[in-house]
Amino acid sequence: MEDAAGQQAIIHIVVNLFFLVVVWWSIQCFRFDVFVRQPDGPKAKMLMILVTIALAHLVSAFFLEYLNWSLMLRYLF
């Protein structure tokens, strides 16, 4: 039982870090300078980091839930 919890924790960490990198990479093409007053200021950079974390959390939560649901399909038959 402890092994399964450890494996699940590793999977969650890896998936969250993977999607954090993917979202950070993909958000680089978004033009924040249109929406913020000082695009090179610390507030704009913090906003970009927080948006990246929020989007990565949503995407990784969706992926992990989908993974868990697909693994539960084996109990259907």
PDB file of N, CA and C in Angstrom:
ATOM      1  N   MET A   1       0.819  -1.190   0.000  1.00  0.00           N
ATOM      2  CA  MET A   1       0.000   0.000   0.000  1.00  0.00           C
ATOM      3  C   MET A   1       0.862   1.253   0.000  1.00  0.00           C
ATOM      4  N   GLU A   2       1.963   1.223   0.783  1.00  0.00           N
ATOM      5  CA  GLU A   2       2.845   2.380   0.844  1.00  0.00           C
ATOM      6  C   GLU A   2       3.569   2.604  -0.472  1.00  0.00           C
ATOM      7  N   ASP A   3       3.888   1.497  -1.181  1.00  0.00           N
ATOM      8  CA  ASP A   3       4.561   1.616  -2.475  1.00  0.00           C
ATOM      9  C   ASP A   3       3.678   2.337  -3.482  1.00  0.00           C
ATOM     10  N   ALA A   4       2.392   2.004  -3.476  1.00  0.00           N
ATOM     11  CA  ALA A   4       1.472   2.640  -4.418  1.00  0.00           C
ATOM     12  C   ALA A   4       1.341   4.126  -4.143  1.00  0.00           C
ATOM     13  N   ALA A   5       1.311   4.503  -2.874  1.00  0.00           N
ATOM     14  CA  ALA A   5       1.219   5.925  -2.532  1.00  0.00           C
ATOM     15  C   ALA A   5       2.484   6.660  -2.942  1.00  0.00           C
ATOM     16  N   GLY A   6       3.628   6.024  -2.769  1.00  0.00           N
ATOM     17  CA  GLY A   6       4.894   6.628  -3.181  1.00  0.00           C
ATOM     18  C   GLY A   6       4.991   6.784  -4.688  1.00  0.00           C
ATOM     19  N   GLN A   7       4.541   5.754  -5.410  1.00  0.00           N
ATOM     20  CA  GLN A   7       4.541   5.828  -6.871  1.00  0.00           C
ATOM     21  C   GLN A   7       3.603   6.919  -7.361  1.00  0.00           C
ATOM     22  N   GLN A   8       2.449   7.021  -6.728  1.00  0.00           N
ATOM     23  CA  GLN A   8       1.488   8.045  -7.113  1.00  0.00           C
ATOM     24  C   GLN A   8       2.056   9.446  -6.830  1.00  0.00           C
ATOM     25  N   ALA A   9       2.769   9.610  -5.734  1.00  0.00           N
ATOM     26  CA  ALA A   9       3.377  10.891  -5.409  1.00  0.00           C
ATOM     27  C   ALA A   9       4.431  11.273  -6.448  1.00  0.00           C
ATOM     28  N   ILE A  10       5.244  10.317  -6.845  1.00  0.00           N
ATOM     29  CA  ILE A  10       6.266  10.576  -7.867  1.00  0.00           C
ATOM     30  C   ILE A  10       5.606  10.973  -9.181  1.00  0.00           C
ATOM     31  N   ILE A  11       4.556  10.265  -9.562  1.00  0.00           N
ATOM     32  CA  ILE A  11       3.849  10.582 -10.806  1.00  0.00           C
ATOM     33  C   ILE A  11       3.273  11.991 -10.745  1.00  0.00           C
ATOM     34  N   HIS A  12       2.669  12.353  -9.627  1.00  0.00           N
ATOM     35  CA  HIS A  12       2.097  13.695  -9.479  1.00  0.00           C
ATOM     36  C   HIS A  12       3.181  14.773  -9.584  1.00  0.00           C
ATOM     37  N   ILE A  13       4.306  14.550  -8.937  1.00  0.00           N
ATOM     38  CA  ILE A  13       5.395  15.531  -8.981  1.00  0.00           C
ATOM     39  C   ILE A  13       5.927  15.694 -10.401  1.00  0.00           C
ATOM     40  N   VAL A  14       6.167  14.587 -11.071  1.00  0.00           N
ATOM     41  CA  VAL A  14       6.714  14.637 -12.426  1.00  0.00           C
ATOM     42  C   VAL A  14       5.732  15.296 -13.381  1.00  0.00           C
ATOM     43  N   VAL A  15       4.455  14.938 -13.290  1.00  0.00           N
ATOM     44  CA  VAL A  15       3.444  15.519 -14.173  1.00  0.00           C
ATOM     45  C   VAL A  15       3.307  17.014 -13.920  1.00  0.00           C
ATOM     46  N   ASN A  16       3.290  17.420 -12.648  1.00  0.00           N
ATOM     47  CA  ASN A  16       3.175  18.842 -12.342  1.00  0.00           C
ATOM     48  C   ASN A  16       4.382  19.616 -12.870  1.00  0.00           C
ATOM     49  N   LEU A  17       5.573  19.106 -12.680  1.00  0.00           N
ATOM     50  CA  LEU A  17       6.758  19.788 -13.193  1.00  0.00           C
ATOM     51  C   LEU A  17       6.783  19.819 -14.713  1.00  0.00           C
ATOM     52  N   PHE A  18       6.371  18.726 -15.340  1.00  0.00           N
ATOM     53  CA  PHE A  18       6.330  18.675 -16.799  1.00  0.00           C
ATOM     54  C   PHE A  18       5.387  19.740 -17.350  1.00  0.00           C
ATOM     55  N   PHE A  19       4.175  19.820 -16.801  1.00  0.00           N
ATOM     56  CA  PHE A  19       3.228  20.798 -17.310  1.00  0.00           C
ATOM     57  C   PHE A  19       3.603  22.223 -16.917  1.00  0.00           C
ATOM     58  N   LEU A  20       4.333  22.397 -15.834  1.00  0.00           N
ATOM     59  CA  LEU A  20       4.840  23.721 -15.489  1.00  0.00           C
ATOM     60  C   LEU A  20       5.813  24.206 -16.560  1.00  0.00           C
ATOM     61  N   VAL A  21       6.697  23.326 -16.992  1.00  0.00           N
ATOM     62  CA  VAL A  21       7.649  23.676 -18.051  1.00  0.00           C
ATOM     63  C   VAL A  21       6.919  23.914 -19.373  1.00  0.00           C
ATOM     64  N   VAL A  22       5.963  23.075 -19.706  1.00  0.00           N
ATOM     65  CA  VAL A  22       5.230  23.218 -20.964  1.00  0.00           C
ATOM     66  C   VAL A  22       4.435  24.522 -20.987  1.00  0.00           C
ATOM     67  N   VAL A  23       3.765  24.839 -19.896  1.00  0.00           N
ATOM     68  CA  VAL A  23       2.980  26.078 -19.844  1.00  0.00           C
ATOM     69  C   VAL A  23       3.902  27.287 -19.889  1.00  0.00           C
ATOM     70  N   TRP A  24       5.021  27.244 -19.153  1.00  0.00           N
ATOM     71  CA  TRP A  24       5.970  28.359 -19.183  1.00  0.00           C
ATOM     72  C   TRP A  24       6.504  28.570 -20.593  1.00  0.00           C
ATOM     73  N   TRP A  25       6.824  27.473 -21.280  1.00  0.00           N
ATOM     74  CA  TRP A  25       7.317  27.554 -22.651  1.00  0.00           C
ATOM     75  C   TRP A  25       6.253  28.127 -23.581  1.00  0.00           C
ATOM     76  N   SER A  26       5.019  27.675 -23.439  1.00  0.00           N
ATOM     77  CA  SER A  26       3.961  28.119 -24.347  1.00  0.00           C
ATOM     78  C   SER A  26       3.482  29.534 -24.045  1.00  0.00           C
ATOM     79  N   ILE A  27       3.600  29.986 -22.810  1.00  0.00           N
ATOM     80  CA  ILE A  27       3.118  31.319 -22.452  1.00  0.00           C
ATOM     81  C   ILE A  27       4.111  32.405 -22.887  1.00  0.00           C
ATOM     82  N   GLN A  28       5.304  32.009 -23.294  1.00  0.00           N
ATOM     83  CA  GLN A  28       6.295  32.975 -23.736  1.00  0.00           C
ATOM     84  C   GLN A  28       5.861  33.734 -24.994  1.00  0.00           C
ATOM     85  N   CYS A  29       4.993  33.158 -25.789  1.00  0.00           N
ATOM     86  CA  CYS A  29       4.550  33.831 -27.008  1.00  0.00           C
ATOM     87  C   CYS A  29       3.384  34.789 -26.738  1.00  0.00           C
ATOM     88  N   PHE A  30       2.831  34.766 -25.540  1.00  0.00           N
ATOM     89  CA  PHE A  30       1.716  35.653 -25.188  1.00  0.00           C
ATOM     90  C   PHE A  30       2.257  37.047 -24.897  1.00  0.00           C
ATOM     91  N   ARG A  31       1.590  38.060 -25.413  1.00  0.00           N
ATOM     92  CA  ARG A  31       2.055  39.440 -25.246  1.00  0.00           C
ATOM     93  C   ARG A  31       1.426  40.064 -24.009  1.00  0.00           C
ATOM     94  N   PHE A  32       2.148  39.973 -22.893  1.00  0.00           N
ATOM     95  CA  PHE A  32       1.696  40.577 -21.649  1.00  0.00           C
ATOM     96  C   PHE A  32       1.811  42.098 -21.683  1.00  0.00           C
ATOM     97  N   ASP A  33       2.678  42.618 -22.560  1.00  0.00           N
ATOM     98  CA  ASP A  33       2.893  44.066 -22.602  1.00  0.00           C
ATOM     99  C   ASP A  33       1.640  44.831 -23.016  1.00  0.00           C
ATOM    100  N   VAL A  34       0.705  44.157 -23.641  1.00  0.00           N
ATOM    101  CA  VAL A  34      -0.551  44.793 -24.033  1.00  0.00           C
ATOM    102  C   VAL A  34      -1.445  45.014 -22.810  1.00  0.00           C
ATOM    103  N   PHE A  35      -1.309  44.173 -21.804  1.00  0.00           N
ATOM    104  CA  PHE A  35      -2.217  44.193 -20.663  1.00  0.00           C
ATOM    105  C   PHE A  35      -1.639  44.834 -19.400  1.00  0.00           C
ATOM    106  N   VAL A  36      -0.346  45.020 -19.332  1.00  0.00           N
ATOM    107  CA  VAL A  36       0.268  45.591 -18.129  1.00  0.00           C
ATOM    108  C   VAL A  36       0.972  46.896 -18.473  1.00  0.00           C
ATOM    109  N   ARG A  37       1.087  47.759 -17.477  1.00  0.00           N
ATOM    110  CA  ARG A  37       1.693  49.077 -17.696  1.00  0.00           C
ATOM    111  C   ARG A  37       3.193  48.984 -17.903  1.00  0.00           C
ATOM    112  N   GLN A  38       3.863  48.246 -17.042  1.00  0.00           N
ATOM    113  CA  GLN A  38       5.316  48.099 -17.136  1.00  0.00           C
ATOM    114  C   GLN A  38       5.639  46.620 -17.353  1.00  0.00           C
ATOM    115  N   PRO A  39       5.748  46.206 -18.608  1.00  0.00           N
ATOM    116  CA  PRO A  39       5.947  44.770 -18.867  1.00  0.00           C
ATOM    117  C   PRO A  39       7.268  44.213 -18.353  1.00  0.00           C
ATOM    118  N   ASP A  40       8.250  45.061 -18.125  1.00  0.00           N
ATOM    119  CA  ASP A  40       9.535  44.571 -17.615  1.00  0.00           C
ATOM    120  C   ASP A  40       9.660  44.723 -16.104  1.00  0.00           C
ATOM    121  N   GLY A  41       8.612  45.211 -15.467  1.00  0.00           N
ATOM    122  CA  GLY A  41       8.638  45.425 -14.025  1.00  0.00           C
ATOM    123  C   GLY A  41       8.447  44.143 -13.240  1.00  0.00           C
ATOM    124  N   PRO A  42       8.727  44.198 -11.941  1.00  0.00           N
ATOM    125  CA  PRO A  42       8.606  42.993 -11.101  1.00  0.00           C
ATOM    126  C   PRO A  42       7.161  42.517 -10.944  1.00  0.00           C
ATOM    127  N   LYS A  43       6.205  43.430 -10.967  1.00  0.00           N
ATOM    128  CA  LYS A  43       4.802  43.019 -10.845  1.00  0.00           C
ATOM    129  C   LYS A  43       4.358  42.228 -12.068  1.00  0.00           C
ATOM    130  N   ALA A  44       4.783  42.650 -13.245  1.00  0.00           N
ATOM    131  CA  ALA A  44       4.423  41.935 -14.472  1.00  0.00           C
ATOM    132  C   ALA A  44       5.059  40.549 -14.499  1.00  0.00           C
ATOM    133  N   LYS A  45       6.289  40.458 -14.035  1.00  0.00           N
ATOM    134  CA  LYS A  45       6.958  39.151 -14.002  1.00  0.00           C
ATOM    135  C   LYS A  45       6.296  38.220 -12.992  1.00  0.00           C
ATOM    136  N   MET A  46       5.896  38.782 -11.847  1.00  0.00           N
ATOM    137  CA  MET A  46       5.196  37.971 -10.846  1.00  0.00           C
ATOM    138  C   MET A  46       3.848  37.501 -11.390  1.00  0.00           C
ATOM    139  N   LEU A  47       3.156  38.370 -12.110  1.00  0.00           N
ATOM    140  CA  LEU A  47       1.881  37.989 -12.722  1.00  0.00           C
ATOM    141  C   LEU A  47       2.080  36.842 -13.706  1.00  0.00           C
ATOM    142  N   MET A  48       3.134  36.924 -14.490  1.00  0.00           N
ATOM    143  CA  MET A  48       3.419  35.860 -15.460  1.00  0.00           C
ATOM    144  C   MET A  48       3.716  34.542 -14.753  1.00  0.00           C
ATOM    145  N   ILE A  49       4.442  34.596 -13.661  1.00  0.00           N
ATOM    146  CA  ILE A  49       4.745  33.385 -12.899  1.00  0.00           C
ATOM    147  C   ILE A  49       3.475  32.794 -12.294  1.00  0.00           C
ATOM    148  N   LEU A  50       2.629  33.658 -11.723  1.00  0.00           N
ATOM    149  CA  LEU A  50       1.389  33.171 -11.107  1.00  0.00           C
ATOM    150  C   LEU A  50       0.421  32.602 -12.141  1.00  0.00           C
ATOM    151  N   VAL A  51       0.339  33.237 -13.301  1.00  0.00           N
ATOM    152  CA  VAL A  51      -0.514  32.713 -14.377  1.00  0.00           C
ATOM    153  C   VAL A  51       0.015  31.366 -14.849  1.00  0.00           C
ATOM    154  N   THR A  52       1.322  31.239 -14.944  1.00  0.00           N
ATOM    155  CA  THR A  52       1.922  29.971 -15.349  1.00  0.00           C
ATOM    156  C   THR A  52       1.612  28.871 -14.345  1.00  0.00           C
ATOM    157  N   ILE A  53       1.743  29.175 -13.063  1.00  0.00           N
ATOM    158  CA  ILE A  53       1.463  28.175 -12.029  1.00  0.00           C
ATOM    159  C   ILE A  53      -0.006  27.776 -12.047  1.00  0.00           C
ATOM    160  N   ALA A  54      -0.893  28.765 -12.199  1.00  0.00           N
ATOM    161  CA  ALA A  54      -2.329  28.469 -12.215  1.00  0.00           C
ATOM    162  C   ALA A  54      -2.712  27.604 -13.414  1.00  0.00           C
ATOM    163  N   LEU A  55      -2.215  27.956 -14.587  1.00  0.00           N
ATOM    164  CA  LEU A  55      -2.525  27.159 -15.778  1.00  0.00           C
ATOM    165  C   LEU A  55      -1.924  25.755 -15.695  1.00  0.00           C
ATOM    166  N   ALA A  56      -0.703  25.673 -15.192  1.00  0.00           N
ATOM    167  CA  ALA A  56      -0.065  24.356 -15.055  1.00  0.00           C
ATOM    168  C   ALA A  56      -0.835  23.483 -14.075  1.00  0.00           C
ATOM    169  N   HIS A  57      -1.334  24.086 -13.008  1.00  0.00           N
ATOM    170  CA  HIS A  57      -2.130  23.328 -12.038  1.00  0.00           C
ATOM    171  C   HIS A  57      -3.414  22.804 -12.685  1.00  0.00           C
ATOM    172  N   LEU A  58      -4.091  23.639 -13.438  1.00  0.00           N
ATOM    173  CA  LEU A  58      -5.325  23.204 -14.097  1.00  0.00           C
ATOM    174  C   LEU A  58      -5.067  22.084 -15.098  1.00  0.00           C
ATOM    175  N   VAL A  59      -4.033  22.246 -15.907  1.00  0.00           N
ATOM    176  CA  VAL A  59      -3.737  21.238 -16.925  1.00  0.00           C
ATOM    177  C   VAL A  59      -3.289  19.927 -16.286  1.00  0.00           C
ATOM    178  N   SER A  60      -2.420  20.002 -15.291  1.00  0.00           N
ATOM    179  CA  SER A  60      -1.953  18.768 -14.661  1.00  0.00           C
ATOM    180  C   SER A  60      -3.070  18.090 -13.866  1.00  0.00           C
ATOM    181  N   ALA A  61      -3.955  18.865 -13.237  1.00  0.00           N
ATOM    182  CA  ALA A  61      -5.093  18.273 -12.525  1.00  0.00           C
ATOM    183  C   ALA A  61      -5.999  17.534 -13.507  1.00  0.00           C
ATOM    184  N   PHE A  62      -6.250  18.144 -14.662  1.00  0.00           N
ATOM    185  CA  PHE A  62      -7.058  17.473 -15.679  1.00  0.00           C
ATOM    186  C   PHE A  62      -6.390  16.177 -16.127  1.00  0.00           C
ATOM    187  N   PHE A  63      -5.096  16.242 -16.423  1.00  0.00           N
ATOM    188  CA  PHE A  63      -4.383  15.056 -16.891  1.00  0.00           C
ATOM    189  C   PHE A  63      -4.383  13.947 -15.848  1.00  0.00           C
ATOM    190  N   LEU A  64      -4.124  14.298 -14.590  1.00  0.00           N
ATOM    191  CA  LEU A  64      -4.079  13.287 -13.529  1.00  0.00           C
ATOM    192  C   LEU A  64      -5.456  12.684 -13.261  1.00  0.00           C
ATOM    193  N   GLU A  65      -6.498  13.493 -13.313  1.00  0.00           N
ATOM    194  CA  GLU A  65      -7.851  12.955 -13.152  1.00  0.00           C
ATOM    195  C   GLU A  65      -8.197  12.020 -14.303  1.00  0.00           C
ATOM    196  N   TYR A  66      -7.843  12.416 -15.516  1.00  0.00           N
ATOM    197  CA  TYR A  66      -8.097  11.568 -16.678  1.00  0.00           C
ATOM    198  C   TYR A  66      -7.332  10.248 -16.556  1.00  0.00           C
ATOM    199  N   LEU A  67      -6.112  10.329 -16.079  1.00  0.00           N
ATOM    200  CA  LEU A  67      -5.318   9.115 -15.871  1.00  0.00           C
ATOM    201  C   LEU A  67      -5.970   8.208 -14.832  1.00  0.00           C
ATOM    202  N   ASN A  68      -6.412   8.769 -13.722  1.00  0.00           N
ATOM    203  CA  ASN A  68      -7.067   7.968 -12.687  1.00  0.00           C
ATOM    204  C   ASN A  68      -8.369   7.358 -13.183  1.00  0.00           C
ATOM    205  N   TRP A  69      -9.141   8.135 -13.930  1.00  0.00           N
ATOM    206  CA  TRP A  69     -10.404   7.595 -14.466  1.00  0.00           C
ATOM    207  C   TRP A  69     -10.136   6.467 -15.448  1.00  0.00           C
ATOM    208  N   SER A  70      -9.111   6.620 -16.289  1.00  0.00           N
ATOM    209  CA  SER A  70      -8.815   5.562 -17.254  1.00  0.00           C
ATOM    210  C   SER A  70      -8.301   4.305 -16.547  1.00  0.00           C
ATOM    211  N   LEU A  71      -7.586   4.473 -15.425  1.00  0.00           N
ATOM    212  CA  LEU A  71      -7.138   3.302 -14.679  1.00  0.00           C
ATOM    213  C   LEU A  71      -8.292   2.606 -13.965  1.00  0.00           C
ATOM    214  N   MET A  72      -9.336   3.338 -13.618  1.00  0.00           N
ATOM    215  CA  MET A  72     -10.501   2.744 -12.943  1.00  0.00           C
ATOM    216  C   MET A  72     -11.408   1.987 -13.904  1.00  0.00           C
ATOM    217  N   LEU A  73     -11.199   2.164 -15.211  1.00  0.00           N
ATOM    218  CA  LEU A  73     -12.027   1.447 -16.182  1.00  0.00           C
ATOM    219  C   LEU A  73     -11.843  -0.062 -16.102  1.00  0.00           C
ATOM    220  N   ARG A  74     -10.714  -0.487 -15.596  1.00  0.00           N
ATOM    221  CA  ARG A  74     -10.493  -1.941 -15.485  1.00  0.00           C
ATOM    222  C   ARG A  74     -11.464  -2.599 -14.505  1.00  0.00           C
ATOM    223  N   TYR A  75     -12.020  -1.836 -13.605  1.00  0.00           N
ATOM    224  CA  TYR A  75     -12.986  -2.388 -12.648  1.00  0.00           C
ATOM    225  C   TYR A  75     -14.395  -2.501 -13.249  1.00  0.00           C
ATOM    226  N   LEU A  76     -14.549  -1.991 -14.450  1.00  0.00           N
ATOM    227  CA  LEU A  76     -15.846  -2.064 -15.112  1.00  0.00           C
ATOM    228  C   LEU A  76     -16.139  -3.479 -15.593  1.00  0.00           C
ATOM    229  N   PHE A  77     -15.121  -4.205 -15.956  1.00  0.00           N
ATOM    230  CA  PHE A  77     -15.318  -5.558 -16.518  1.00  0.00           C
ATOM    231  C   PHE A  77     -14.823  -6.617 -15.566  1.00  0.00           C
TER     232      PHE A  77
END
